[in-house]
Amino acid sequence: MFRTLAVTTGIVGLLGSGAAMAMESTATTDLNLRMGPGPNYIVSAVIPANATVEVEGCVDAANWCQVTFDGQTGWAYGDYLTTKVGEEMAVLTVDRAKTEVKTVVHEDTSERSAAIVGAMGAVAGALIAGPPGAAVGAVAGAATGGMADPGETVTTYVTEHPVEYVYLDGEVVVGAGIPETVTIHPVPESEYSYAYVNGVPVVLNSADRTIVHIVR
């Protein structure tokens, strides 16, 4: 039913001699673990809210970080990862000088990857940051993945009526907003709408265009 993007992850190198020392970080919401540093890469797992990951480093020009969770290595969006700095919690990629996160260089050597990314088209904008990015150190109940249960009728409609994917900078999390430039689709006889964003279907509150449920 769903179109997936199979992108081969290439060489990952770490700058500096301290590559073996990973940083411990906490996910502030249910967070996708992807096969590469970008919204076009497929989701290989989900990191639960409040789970701990080991961070090898983050891409210098983007907010994607190479992490290991439950024995699996992949990439997660650093705006939803926090680490302890002194007595405070800091967002990993918001204040890099404070968190001192290492830099990771990612090189995708797959020719097929370039073709797939080219077929995606331009990124349509950026996701509006959800509550976890704003509330450092305090995970709001609305941001943990249980904000709303639209029910089986709604999720079934969303999965049985696929629409074209749109790709946005950032990561799909509960509480993030969809920009006005993106077309959303109403679910009949409900308060919800939906879209297919960054490789996954999302259910939205029609009134304010925020993500209330991610169909996995």
N, C-alpha and C. Protein backbone atom coordinates (compact mmCIF):
# COMPACT_ATOMS: atom_id res chain seq x y z
N MET A 1 0.83 -1.19 0.00
CA MET A 1 0.00 0.00 0.00
C MET A 1 0.87 1.25 0.00
N PHE A 2 1.99 1.22 0.78
CA PHE A 2 2.80 2.42 0.92
C PHE A 2 4.03 2.32 0.03
N ARG A 3 4.42 3.46 -0.50
CA ARG A 3 5.66 3.54 -1.25
C ARG A 3 6.80 3.78 -0.29
N THR A 4 7.84 2.96 -0.34
CA THR A 4 8.98 3.13 0.55
C THR A 4 10.19 3.53 -0.26
N LEU A 5 11.11 4.21 0.38
CA LEU A 5 12.33 4.65 -0.26
C LEU A 5 13.48 3.81 0.27
N ALA A 6 14.07 3.00 -0.56
CA ALA A 6 15.19 2.17 -0.15
C ALA A 6 16.47 2.89 -0.49
N VAL A 7 17.14 3.43 0.48
CA VAL A 7 18.35 4.20 0.27
C VAL A 7 19.48 3.53 1.04
N THR A 8 20.56 3.29 0.36
CA THR A 8 21.68 2.60 0.99
C THR A 8 22.54 3.58 1.75
N THR A 9 22.80 3.31 3.00
CA THR A 9 23.67 4.15 3.80
C THR A 9 25.11 3.85 3.47
N GLY A 10 25.87 4.91 3.22
CA GLY A 10 27.25 4.73 2.82
C GLY A 10 28.20 4.82 4.00
N ILE A 11 29.31 5.46 3.77
CA ILE A 11 30.37 5.48 4.75
C ILE A 11 30.08 6.55 5.78
N VAL A 12 30.25 6.23 7.04
CA VAL A 12 30.10 7.21 8.10
C VAL A 12 31.44 7.33 8.81
N GLY A 13 31.98 8.53 8.86
CA GLY A 13 33.24 8.74 9.54
C GLY A 13 33.09 9.78 10.62
N LEU A 14 33.85 9.66 11.67
CA LEU A 14 33.80 10.63 12.75
C LEU A 14 35.06 11.47 12.74
N LEU A 15 34.87 12.78 12.95
CA LEU A 15 36.00 13.67 13.02
C LEU A 15 36.53 13.70 14.44
N GLY A 16 37.82 13.66 14.57
CA GLY A 16 38.41 13.76 15.91
C GLY A 16 38.80 12.39 16.43
N SER A 17 39.61 12.39 17.46
CA SER A 17 40.14 11.13 17.98
C SER A 17 39.24 10.48 19.00
N GLY A 18 38.18 11.21 19.47
CA GLY A 18 37.34 10.66 20.51
C GLY A 18 36.12 9.95 19.98
N ALA A 19 36.22 9.37 18.79
CA ALA A 19 35.05 8.79 18.14
C ALA A 19 34.44 7.65 18.94
N ALA A 20 35.26 6.98 19.74
CA ALA A 20 34.74 5.81 20.44
C ALA A 20 33.86 6.19 21.64
N MET A 21 33.92 7.46 22.06
CA MET A 21 33.19 7.88 23.24
C MET A 21 31.85 8.48 22.82
N ALA A 22 30.78 7.73 22.99
CA ALA A 22 29.45 8.18 22.62
C ALA A 22 28.83 9.00 23.75
N MET A 23 27.94 9.90 23.38
CA MET A 23 27.23 10.73 24.34
C MET A 23 25.87 10.12 24.64
N GLU A 24 25.48 10.09 25.91
CA GLU A 24 24.18 9.58 26.28
C GLU A 24 23.13 10.68 26.12
N SER A 25 22.00 10.33 25.52
CA SER A 25 20.96 11.31 25.27
C SER A 25 19.60 10.66 25.45
N THR A 26 18.57 11.49 25.69
CA THR A 26 17.22 11.00 25.93
C THR A 26 16.26 11.53 24.88
N ALA A 27 15.42 10.66 24.34
CA ALA A 27 14.39 11.08 23.39
C ALA A 27 13.24 11.73 24.14
N THR A 28 12.83 12.93 23.70
CA THR A 28 11.75 13.63 24.38
C THR A 28 10.37 13.26 23.86
N THR A 29 10.32 12.43 22.83
CA THR A 29 9.06 11.96 22.25
C THR A 29 9.34 10.69 21.49
N ASP A 30 8.32 9.94 21.09
CA ASP A 30 8.53 8.81 20.19
C ASP A 30 9.21 9.34 18.93
N LEU A 31 10.34 8.78 18.58
CA LEU A 31 11.19 9.36 17.54
C LEU A 31 11.65 8.30 16.56
N ASN A 32 11.50 8.59 15.28
CA ASN A 32 11.91 7.65 14.24
C ASN A 32 13.42 7.44 14.25
N LEU A 33 13.83 6.20 14.07
CA LEU A 33 15.22 5.85 13.81
C LEU A 33 15.29 5.52 12.32
N ARG A 34 16.02 6.34 11.57
CA ARG A 34 16.06 6.19 10.11
C ARG A 34 17.40 5.62 9.65
N MET A 35 17.42 5.17 8.40
CA MET A 35 18.61 4.55 7.85
C MET A 35 19.64 5.56 7.36
N GLY A 36 19.29 6.82 7.39
CA GLY A 36 20.21 7.87 6.98
C GLY A 36 19.76 9.20 7.54
N PRO A 37 20.59 10.24 7.39
CA PRO A 37 20.30 11.54 8.00
C PRO A 37 19.42 12.44 7.14
N GLY A 38 18.15 12.10 7.08
CA GLY A 38 17.22 12.92 6.31
C GLY A 38 15.84 12.32 6.27
N PRO A 39 14.82 13.14 5.94
CA PRO A 39 13.44 12.65 5.94
C PRO A 39 13.14 11.67 4.81
N ASN A 40 14.03 11.56 3.83
CA ASN A 40 13.80 10.66 2.70
C ASN A 40 14.23 9.23 3.00
N TYR A 41 14.94 9.01 4.10
CA TYR A 41 15.40 7.66 4.43
C TYR A 41 14.31 6.88 5.17
N ILE A 42 14.28 5.57 4.94
CA ILE A 42 13.22 4.75 5.53
C ILE A 42 13.40 4.63 7.04
N VAL A 43 12.28 4.43 7.72
CA VAL A 43 12.28 4.26 9.17
C VAL A 43 12.56 2.80 9.49
N SER A 44 13.60 2.55 10.29
CA SER A 44 13.96 1.18 10.63
C SER A 44 13.46 0.77 12.01
N ALA A 45 13.17 1.76 12.87
CA ALA A 45 12.67 1.49 14.22
C ALA A 45 12.12 2.78 14.80
N VAL A 46 11.50 2.67 15.96
CA VAL A 46 11.00 3.84 16.68
C VAL A 46 11.62 3.86 18.07
N ILE A 47 12.22 4.98 18.43
CA ILE A 47 12.78 5.17 19.76
C ILE A 47 11.66 5.69 20.66
N PRO A 48 11.28 4.99 21.72
CA PRO A 48 10.18 5.46 22.58
C PRO A 48 10.56 6.73 23.34
N ALA A 49 9.55 7.52 23.68
CA ALA A 49 9.77 8.70 24.52
C ALA A 49 10.44 8.29 25.82
N ASN A 50 11.39 9.09 26.24
CA ASN A 50 12.15 8.89 27.48
C ASN A 50 13.21 7.80 27.38
N ALA A 51 13.34 7.16 26.22
CA ALA A 51 14.37 6.14 26.06
C ALA A 51 15.74 6.78 25.91
N THR A 52 16.76 6.05 26.33
CA THR A 52 18.13 6.53 26.24
C THR A 52 18.81 5.98 25.00
N VAL A 53 19.56 6.83 24.31
CA VAL A 53 20.33 6.41 23.14
C VAL A 53 21.77 6.85 23.33
N GLU A 54 22.66 6.20 22.60
CA GLU A 54 24.06 6.61 22.56
C GLU A 54 24.28 7.39 21.27
N VAL A 55 24.77 8.60 21.38
CA VAL A 55 24.95 9.49 20.23
C VAL A 55 26.43 9.51 19.84
N GLU A 56 26.71 9.12 18.60
CA GLU A 56 28.08 9.18 18.11
C GLU A 56 28.45 10.59 17.66
N GLY A 57 27.47 11.32 17.14
CA GLY A 57 27.71 12.68 16.67
C GLY A 57 26.59 13.12 15.75
N CYS A 58 26.64 14.37 15.32
CA CYS A 58 25.59 14.95 14.47
C CYS A 58 26.22 15.57 13.22
N VAL A 59 25.45 15.58 12.15
CA VAL A 59 25.91 16.19 10.90
C VAL A 59 26.06 17.70 11.12
N ASP A 60 27.13 18.26 10.65
CA ASP A 60 27.44 19.66 10.93
C ASP A 60 26.42 20.61 10.31
N ALA A 61 25.97 20.32 9.10
CA ALA A 61 25.08 21.24 8.38
C ALA A 61 23.60 20.92 8.57
N ALA A 62 23.29 19.95 9.42
CA ALA A 62 21.89 19.56 9.63
C ALA A 62 21.74 19.09 11.07
N ASN A 63 20.50 18.82 11.45
CA ASN A 63 20.24 18.43 12.85
C ASN A 63 20.05 16.94 13.03
N TRP A 64 20.58 16.14 12.11
CA TRP A 64 20.46 14.69 12.20
C TRP A 64 21.68 14.11 12.91
N CYS A 65 21.41 13.16 13.80
CA CYS A 65 22.48 12.59 14.62
C CYS A 65 22.53 11.07 14.45
N GLN A 66 23.74 10.53 14.44
CA GLN A 66 23.91 9.08 14.39
C GLN A 66 23.81 8.54 15.80
N VAL A 67 22.86 7.63 16.02
CA VAL A 67 22.61 7.12 17.37
C VAL A 67 22.51 5.60 17.34
N THR A 68 22.68 5.02 18.52
CA THR A 68 22.47 3.59 18.70
C THR A 68 21.41 3.39 19.77
N PHE A 69 20.37 2.65 19.43
CA PHE A 69 19.30 2.34 20.37
C PHE A 69 19.01 0.84 20.33
N ASP A 70 19.05 0.22 21.49
CA ASP A 70 18.73 -1.20 21.61
C ASP A 70 19.55 -2.04 20.64
N GLY A 71 20.81 -1.69 20.49
CA GLY A 71 21.71 -2.45 19.64
C GLY A 71 21.64 -2.11 18.17
N GLN A 72 20.77 -1.20 17.77
CA GLN A 72 20.60 -0.85 16.36
C GLN A 72 21.09 0.58 16.13
N THR A 73 21.93 0.76 15.13
CA THR A 73 22.48 2.08 14.81
C THR A 73 21.73 2.69 13.64
N GLY A 74 21.41 3.96 13.77
CA GLY A 74 20.71 4.68 12.70
C GLY A 74 20.82 6.17 12.94
N TRP A 75 19.82 6.90 12.44
CA TRP A 75 19.86 8.36 12.51
C TRP A 75 18.56 8.89 13.09
N ALA A 76 18.67 9.86 14.02
CA ALA A 76 17.50 10.48 14.64
C ALA A 76 17.66 12.00 14.59
N TYR A 77 16.53 12.69 14.66
CA TYR A 77 16.55 14.15 14.57
C TYR A 77 16.92 14.75 15.91
N GLY A 78 18.02 15.51 15.94
CA GLY A 78 18.61 15.98 17.18
C GLY A 78 17.80 17.00 17.95
N ASP A 79 16.82 17.64 17.30
CA ASP A 79 15.99 18.62 18.01
C ASP A 79 15.07 17.95 19.04
N TYR A 80 14.98 16.62 19.00
CA TYR A 80 14.15 15.89 19.96
C TYR A 80 14.98 14.95 20.82
N LEU A 81 16.27 15.30 20.95
CA LEU A 81 17.17 14.57 21.83
C LEU A 81 17.77 15.55 22.83
N THR A 82 17.79 15.19 24.10
CA THR A 82 18.37 16.06 25.11
C THR A 82 19.51 15.35 25.82
N THR A 83 20.41 16.14 26.36
CA THR A 83 21.51 15.60 27.14
C THR A 83 21.74 16.51 28.34
N LYS A 84 22.28 15.96 29.41
CA LYS A 84 22.49 16.74 30.62
C LYS A 84 23.79 17.51 30.53
N VAL A 85 23.68 18.82 30.75
CA VAL A 85 24.86 19.69 30.79
C VAL A 85 24.87 20.35 32.16
N GLY A 86 25.77 19.93 33.02
CA GLY A 86 25.75 20.40 34.39
C GLY A 86 24.51 19.89 35.09
N GLU A 87 23.70 20.81 35.61
CA GLU A 87 22.46 20.43 36.28
C GLU A 87 21.24 20.64 35.39
N GLU A 88 21.45 21.02 34.12
CA GLU A 88 20.35 21.31 33.21
C GLU A 88 20.32 20.34 32.04
N MET A 89 19.14 20.24 31.42
CA MET A 89 19.00 19.46 30.20
C MET A 89 19.04 20.42 29.01
N ALA A 90 19.76 20.03 27.98
CA ALA A 90 19.88 20.87 26.78
C ALA A 90 19.53 20.05 25.55
N VAL A 91 18.89 20.70 24.57
CA VAL A 91 18.59 20.04 23.30
C VAL A 91 19.89 19.86 22.53
N LEU A 92 20.10 18.67 22.04
CA LEU A 92 21.39 18.27 21.49
C LEU A 92 21.90 19.21 20.40
N THR A 93 21.00 19.57 19.45
CA THR A 93 21.45 20.33 18.29
C THR A 93 21.07 21.80 18.32
N VAL A 94 20.34 22.24 19.34
CA VAL A 94 19.97 23.65 19.42
C VAL A 94 21.15 24.49 19.90
N ASP A 95 21.87 24.00 20.88
CA ASP A 95 23.03 24.71 21.41
C ASP A 95 24.23 23.79 21.39
N ARG A 96 24.83 23.66 20.22
CA ARG A 96 25.93 22.71 20.06
C ARG A 96 27.16 23.11 20.88
N ALA A 97 27.36 24.41 21.06
CA ALA A 97 28.49 24.85 21.86
C ALA A 97 28.35 24.38 23.30
N LYS A 98 27.13 24.33 23.79
CA LYS A 98 26.89 23.90 25.17
C LYS A 98 26.96 22.37 25.30
N THR A 99 26.35 21.66 24.34
CA THR A 99 26.32 20.20 24.44
C THR A 99 27.62 19.56 23.98
N GLU A 100 28.39 20.30 23.16
CA GLU A 100 29.68 19.81 22.66
C GLU A 100 29.54 18.48 21.93
N VAL A 101 28.46 18.35 21.18
CA VAL A 101 28.25 17.12 20.41
C VAL A 101 29.27 17.03 19.29
N LYS A 102 29.78 15.84 19.06
CA LYS A 102 30.77 15.63 18.00
C LYS A 102 30.14 15.79 16.62
N THR A 103 30.98 16.01 15.63
CA THR A 103 30.54 16.13 14.25
C THR A 103 30.71 14.81 13.52
N VAL A 104 29.68 14.43 12.77
CA VAL A 104 29.71 13.21 11.96
C VAL A 104 29.67 13.60 10.50
N VAL A 105 30.47 12.93 9.70
CA VAL A 105 30.45 13.12 8.25
C VAL A 105 29.76 11.92 7.63
N HIS A 106 28.68 12.18 6.88
CA HIS A 106 27.95 11.09 6.23
C HIS A 106 28.12 11.20 4.74
N GLU A 107 28.55 10.09 4.13
CA GLU A 107 28.72 10.04 2.68
C GLU A 107 27.91 8.88 2.13
N ASP A 108 26.93 9.20 1.28
CA ASP A 108 26.12 8.16 0.66
C ASP A 108 26.72 7.85 -0.70
N THR A 109 27.26 6.65 -0.85
CA THR A 109 27.96 6.28 -2.07
C THR A 109 27.06 5.56 -3.07
N SER A 110 25.76 5.48 -2.79
CA SER A 110 24.86 4.72 -3.65
C SER A 110 24.35 5.56 -4.81
N GLU A 111 24.55 5.10 -6.03
CA GLU A 111 24.01 5.79 -7.21
C GLU A 111 22.49 5.76 -7.18
N ARG A 112 21.94 4.68 -6.66
CA ARG A 112 20.50 4.56 -6.59
C ARG A 112 19.92 5.61 -5.65
N SER A 113 20.66 5.92 -4.60
CA SER A 113 20.22 6.94 -3.64
C SER A 113 20.01 8.27 -4.35
N ALA A 114 20.97 8.68 -5.17
CA ALA A 114 20.87 9.95 -5.87
C ALA A 114 19.64 9.99 -6.77
N ALA A 115 19.35 8.86 -7.43
CA ALA A 115 18.19 8.80 -8.31
C ALA A 115 16.90 8.93 -7.53
N ILE A 116 16.84 8.28 -6.36
CA ILE A 116 15.63 8.33 -5.55
C ILE A 116 15.40 9.73 -4.99
N VAL A 117 16.47 10.34 -4.48
CA VAL A 117 16.35 11.67 -3.93
C VAL A 117 15.93 12.66 -5.02
N GLY A 118 16.46 12.50 -6.23
CA GLY A 118 16.07 13.37 -7.33
C GLY A 118 14.61 13.21 -7.69
N ALA A 119 14.09 11.98 -7.60
CA ALA A 119 12.70 11.72 -7.92
C ALA A 119 11.74 12.26 -6.86
N MET A 120 12.25 12.51 -5.67
CA MET A 120 11.43 13.04 -4.59
C MET A 120 10.89 14.41 -4.91
N GLY A 121 11.68 15.22 -5.63
CA GLY A 121 11.32 16.61 -5.83
C GLY A 121 11.84 17.45 -4.67
N ALA A 122 11.60 18.73 -4.75
CA ALA A 122 12.12 19.65 -3.74
C ALA A 122 11.41 19.45 -2.41
N VAL A 123 12.14 19.70 -1.34
CA VAL A 123 11.53 19.70 -0.02
C VAL A 123 10.52 20.84 0.03
N ALA A 124 9.32 20.54 0.51
CA ALA A 124 8.20 21.47 0.41
C ALA A 124 8.17 22.50 1.52
N GLY A 125 9.09 22.46 2.44
CA GLY A 125 9.08 23.40 3.57
C GLY A 125 9.65 22.73 4.79
N ALA A 126 9.25 23.20 5.94
CA ALA A 126 9.76 22.64 7.19
C ALA A 126 8.61 22.39 8.15
N LEU A 127 8.71 21.29 8.89
CA LEU A 127 7.75 21.01 9.94
C LEU A 127 7.87 22.07 11.03
N ILE A 128 6.74 22.46 11.59
CA ILE A 128 6.74 23.40 12.70
C ILE A 128 7.05 22.61 13.96
N ALA A 129 8.09 23.02 14.67
CA ALA A 129 8.60 22.23 15.80
C ALA A 129 7.50 21.95 16.82
N GLY A 130 7.47 20.71 17.29
CA GLY A 130 6.49 20.30 18.28
C GLY A 130 6.93 20.65 19.69
N PRO A 131 6.11 20.37 20.67
CA PRO A 131 6.40 20.70 22.08
C PRO A 131 7.73 20.18 22.59
N PRO A 132 8.19 18.97 22.19
CA PRO A 132 9.45 18.47 22.76
C PRO A 132 10.63 19.39 22.47
N GLY A 133 10.61 20.06 21.31
CA GLY A 133 11.71 20.95 20.97
C GLY A 133 11.72 22.21 21.80
N ALA A 134 10.57 22.56 22.38
CA ALA A 134 10.47 23.80 23.13
C ALA A 134 10.58 23.57 24.63
N ALA A 135 10.12 22.41 25.09
CA ALA A 135 10.09 22.15 26.53
C ALA A 135 11.26 21.26 26.90
N VAL A 136 12.42 21.83 27.07
CA VAL A 136 13.62 21.06 27.36
C VAL A 136 13.55 20.47 28.77
N GLY A 137 13.75 19.17 28.84
CA GLY A 137 13.80 18.51 30.14
C GLY A 137 12.45 18.17 30.71
N ALA A 138 11.37 18.56 30.04
CA ALA A 138 10.03 18.25 30.55
C ALA A 138 9.20 17.71 29.40
N VAL A 139 8.92 16.44 29.43
CA VAL A 139 8.16 15.82 28.35
C VAL A 139 6.68 16.00 28.65
N ALA A 140 6.02 16.82 27.84
CA ALA A 140 4.59 17.05 28.03
C ALA A 140 3.82 15.81 27.61
N GLY A 141 2.70 15.56 28.28
CA GLY A 141 1.89 14.40 27.94
C GLY A 141 1.43 14.46 26.50
N ALA A 142 1.25 15.65 25.98
CA ALA A 142 0.80 15.81 24.59
C ALA A 142 1.89 15.47 23.60
N ALA A 143 3.09 15.26 24.06
CA ALA A 143 4.20 15.04 23.14
C ALA A 143 4.74 13.63 23.19
N THR A 144 4.12 12.77 23.91
CA THR A 144 4.68 11.43 24.11
C THR A 144 4.10 10.39 23.18
N GLY A 145 3.28 10.80 22.23
CA GLY A 145 2.71 9.84 21.31
C GLY A 145 1.31 9.45 21.68
N GLY A 146 0.79 9.89 22.83
CA GLY A 146 -0.55 9.53 23.24
C GLY A 146 -1.48 10.72 23.28
N MET A 147 -1.19 11.73 22.50
CA MET A 147 -1.96 12.97 22.53
C MET A 147 -3.41 12.73 22.15
N ALA A 148 -3.64 11.92 21.15
CA ALA A 148 -5.01 11.65 20.72
C ALA A 148 -5.06 10.29 20.05
N ASP A 149 -6.16 9.59 20.26
CA ASP A 149 -6.39 8.33 19.56
C ASP A 149 -7.55 8.56 18.60
N PRO A 150 -7.25 8.74 17.32
CA PRO A 150 -8.32 9.04 16.38
C PRO A 150 -9.28 7.88 16.14
N GLY A 151 -8.89 6.69 16.57
CA GLY A 151 -9.76 5.53 16.41
C GLY A 151 -9.48 4.75 15.15
N GLU A 152 -9.91 3.50 15.16
CA GLU A 152 -9.62 2.59 14.05
C GLU A 152 -10.27 3.05 12.75
N THR A 153 -11.47 3.65 12.84
CA THR A 153 -12.16 4.09 11.62
C THR A 153 -11.32 5.11 10.87
N VAL A 154 -10.74 6.06 11.63
CA VAL A 154 -9.93 7.11 11.00
C VAL A 154 -8.64 6.53 10.44
N THR A 155 -7.91 5.74 11.23
CA THR A 155 -6.64 5.21 10.75
C THR A 155 -6.83 4.27 9.56
N THR A 156 -7.92 3.52 9.57
CA THR A 156 -8.20 2.65 8.42
C THR A 156 -8.45 3.47 7.16
N TYR A 157 -9.20 4.56 7.30
CA TYR A 157 -9.46 5.43 6.15
C TYR A 157 -8.14 5.99 5.61
N VAL A 158 -7.26 6.42 6.51
CA VAL A 158 -5.98 7.00 6.11
C VAL A 158 -5.13 5.99 5.35
N THR A 159 -5.08 4.76 5.83
CA THR A 159 -4.25 3.74 5.17
C THR A 159 -4.87 3.25 3.87
N GLU A 160 -6.21 3.31 3.76
CA GLU A 160 -6.87 2.82 2.55
C GLU A 160 -7.03 3.90 1.48
N HIS A 161 -6.65 5.14 1.83
CA HIS A 161 -6.75 6.23 0.86
C HIS A 161 -5.42 6.98 0.82
N PRO A 162 -4.38 6.31 0.31
CA PRO A 162 -3.05 6.94 0.28
C PRO A 162 -3.03 8.15 -0.64
N VAL A 163 -2.20 9.12 -0.28
CA VAL A 163 -2.00 10.32 -1.10
C VAL A 163 -0.50 10.46 -1.36
N GLU A 164 -0.15 11.42 -2.19
CA GLU A 164 1.26 11.61 -2.55
C GLU A 164 2.05 12.07 -1.33
N TYR A 165 3.25 11.52 -1.19
CA TYR A 165 4.10 11.92 -0.08
C TYR A 165 4.62 13.34 -0.29
N VAL A 166 4.77 14.06 0.82
CA VAL A 166 5.45 15.34 0.82
C VAL A 166 6.62 15.22 1.79
N TYR A 167 7.73 15.87 1.46
CA TYR A 167 8.92 15.80 2.31
C TYR A 167 9.22 17.18 2.88
N LEU A 168 9.38 17.22 4.21
CA LEU A 168 9.61 18.46 4.93
C LEU A 168 10.86 18.34 5.79
N ASP A 169 11.58 19.44 5.91
CA ASP A 169 12.72 19.45 6.83
C ASP A 169 12.23 19.19 8.25
N GLY A 170 13.00 18.41 9.00
CA GLY A 170 12.60 18.07 10.36
C GLY A 170 12.10 16.65 10.43
N GLU A 171 11.42 16.32 11.52
CA GLU A 171 10.93 14.96 11.74
C GLU A 171 9.47 14.99 12.17
N VAL A 172 8.71 13.97 11.72
CA VAL A 172 7.31 13.87 12.12
C VAL A 172 7.23 13.33 13.54
N VAL A 173 6.67 14.14 14.43
CA VAL A 173 6.42 13.74 15.81
C VAL A 173 5.06 14.28 16.21
N VAL A 174 4.44 13.66 17.18
CA VAL A 174 3.16 14.14 17.69
C VAL A 174 3.35 15.54 18.27
N GLY A 175 2.51 16.48 17.84
CA GLY A 175 2.60 17.85 18.31
C GLY A 175 3.25 18.79 17.31
N ALA A 176 3.97 18.25 16.31
CA ALA A 176 4.55 19.09 15.27
C ALA A 176 3.45 19.58 14.33
N GLY A 177 3.68 20.72 13.70
CA GLY A 177 2.67 21.31 12.83
C GLY A 177 3.05 21.19 11.36
N ILE A 178 2.02 21.08 10.52
CA ILE A 178 2.19 21.02 9.07
C ILE A 178 2.01 22.43 8.50
N PRO A 179 2.97 22.95 7.74
CA PRO A 179 2.84 24.32 7.22
C PRO A 179 1.67 24.48 6.25
N GLU A 180 1.23 25.71 6.11
CA GLU A 180 0.07 26.01 5.27
C GLU A 180 0.31 25.68 3.80
N THR A 181 1.56 25.61 3.39
CA THR A 181 1.88 25.33 1.99
C THR A 181 1.59 23.89 1.60
N VAL A 182 1.37 23.03 2.59
CA VAL A 182 1.12 21.61 2.33
C VAL A 182 -0.39 21.34 2.33
N THR A 183 -0.86 20.64 1.31
CA THR A 183 -2.27 20.26 1.23
C THR A 183 -2.55 19.11 2.19
N ILE A 184 -3.58 19.29 3.04
CA ILE A 184 -4.01 18.20 3.91
C ILE A 184 -5.38 17.72 3.44
N HIS A 185 -5.73 16.49 3.78
CA HIS A 185 -6.92 15.85 3.23
C HIS A 185 -7.88 15.48 4.37
N PRO A 186 -9.12 15.90 4.28
CA PRO A 186 -10.07 15.63 5.37
C PRO A 186 -10.46 14.16 5.44
N VAL A 187 -10.66 13.68 6.66
CA VAL A 187 -11.24 12.37 6.87
C VAL A 187 -12.74 12.57 7.05
N PRO A 188 -13.57 11.97 6.20
CA PRO A 188 -15.02 12.21 6.25
C PRO A 188 -15.62 11.95 7.64
N GLU A 189 -16.56 12.80 8.01
CA GLU A 189 -17.32 12.66 9.26
C GLU A 189 -16.42 12.56 10.48
N SER A 190 -15.37 13.39 10.50
CA SER A 190 -14.48 13.41 11.66
C SER A 190 -13.86 14.80 11.78
N GLU A 191 -13.19 15.04 12.89
CA GLU A 191 -12.48 16.30 13.11
C GLU A 191 -11.06 16.25 12.59
N TYR A 192 -10.70 15.17 11.91
CA TYR A 192 -9.32 14.95 11.53
C TYR A 192 -9.09 15.13 10.03
N SER A 193 -7.84 15.43 9.71
CA SER A 193 -7.34 15.40 8.35
C SER A 193 -6.09 14.53 8.35
N TYR A 194 -5.48 14.36 7.17
CA TYR A 194 -4.27 13.55 7.14
C TYR A 194 -3.39 13.97 5.98
N ALA A 195 -2.15 13.52 6.03
CA ALA A 195 -1.19 13.70 4.95
C ALA A 195 -0.17 12.58 5.06
N TYR A 196 0.58 12.39 4.00
CA TYR A 196 1.69 11.42 4.03
C TYR A 196 2.98 12.25 4.01
N VAL A 197 3.68 12.27 5.15
CA VAL A 197 4.80 13.17 5.33
C VAL A 197 6.07 12.39 5.68
N ASN A 198 7.14 12.68 4.97
CA ASN A 198 8.44 12.06 5.27
C ASN A 198 8.38 10.54 5.36
N GLY A 199 7.58 9.95 4.49
CA GLY A 199 7.55 8.50 4.40
C GLY A 199 6.54 7.80 5.27
N VAL A 200 5.75 8.56 6.08
CA VAL A 200 4.75 7.91 6.94
C VAL A 200 3.44 8.69 6.90
N PRO A 201 2.29 7.99 7.05
CA PRO A 201 1.00 8.68 7.14
C PRO A 201 0.84 9.31 8.51
N VAL A 202 0.30 10.53 8.55
CA VAL A 202 0.06 11.21 9.82
C VAL A 202 -1.38 11.71 9.87
N VAL A 203 -1.99 11.61 11.06
CA VAL A 203 -3.34 12.12 11.28
C VAL A 203 -3.20 13.49 11.95
N LEU A 204 -4.00 14.46 11.48
CA LEU A 204 -3.87 15.84 11.93
C LEU A 204 -5.15 16.35 12.56
N ASN A 205 -5.01 17.25 13.50
CA ASN A 205 -6.13 18.04 13.98
C ASN A 205 -6.45 19.05 12.89
N SER A 206 -7.63 18.98 12.32
CA SER A 206 -7.97 19.85 11.19
C SER A 206 -7.93 21.32 11.56
N ALA A 207 -8.22 21.64 12.82
CA ALA A 207 -8.32 23.03 13.23
C ALA A 207 -6.98 23.75 13.23
N ASP A 208 -5.93 23.07 13.70
CA ASP A 208 -4.63 23.76 13.80
C ASP A 208 -3.50 23.05 13.06
N ARG A 209 -3.81 21.98 12.31
CA ARG A 209 -2.86 21.30 11.44
C ARG A 209 -1.70 20.64 12.21
N THR A 210 -1.92 20.30 13.47
CA THR A 210 -0.89 19.61 14.24
C THR A 210 -1.05 18.10 14.13
N ILE A 211 0.05 17.38 14.20
CA ILE A 211 0.03 15.93 14.15
C ILE A 211 -0.44 15.39 15.48
N VAL A 212 -1.50 14.56 15.44
CA VAL A 212 -2.02 13.95 16.66
C VAL A 212 -1.76 12.45 16.71
N HIS A 213 -1.41 11.87 15.58
CA HIS A 213 -1.17 10.42 15.54
C HIS A 213 -0.33 10.09 14.32
N ILE A 214 0.60 9.18 14.49
CA ILE A 214 1.44 8.70 13.38
C ILE A 214 1.07 7.25 13.13
N VAL A 215 0.69 6.94 11.90
CA VAL A 215 0.27 5.59 11.55
C VAL A 215 1.51 4.78 11.21
N ARG A 216 1.84 3.82 12.04
CA ARG A 216 3.06 3.03 11.85
C ARG A 216 2.73 1.61 11.43
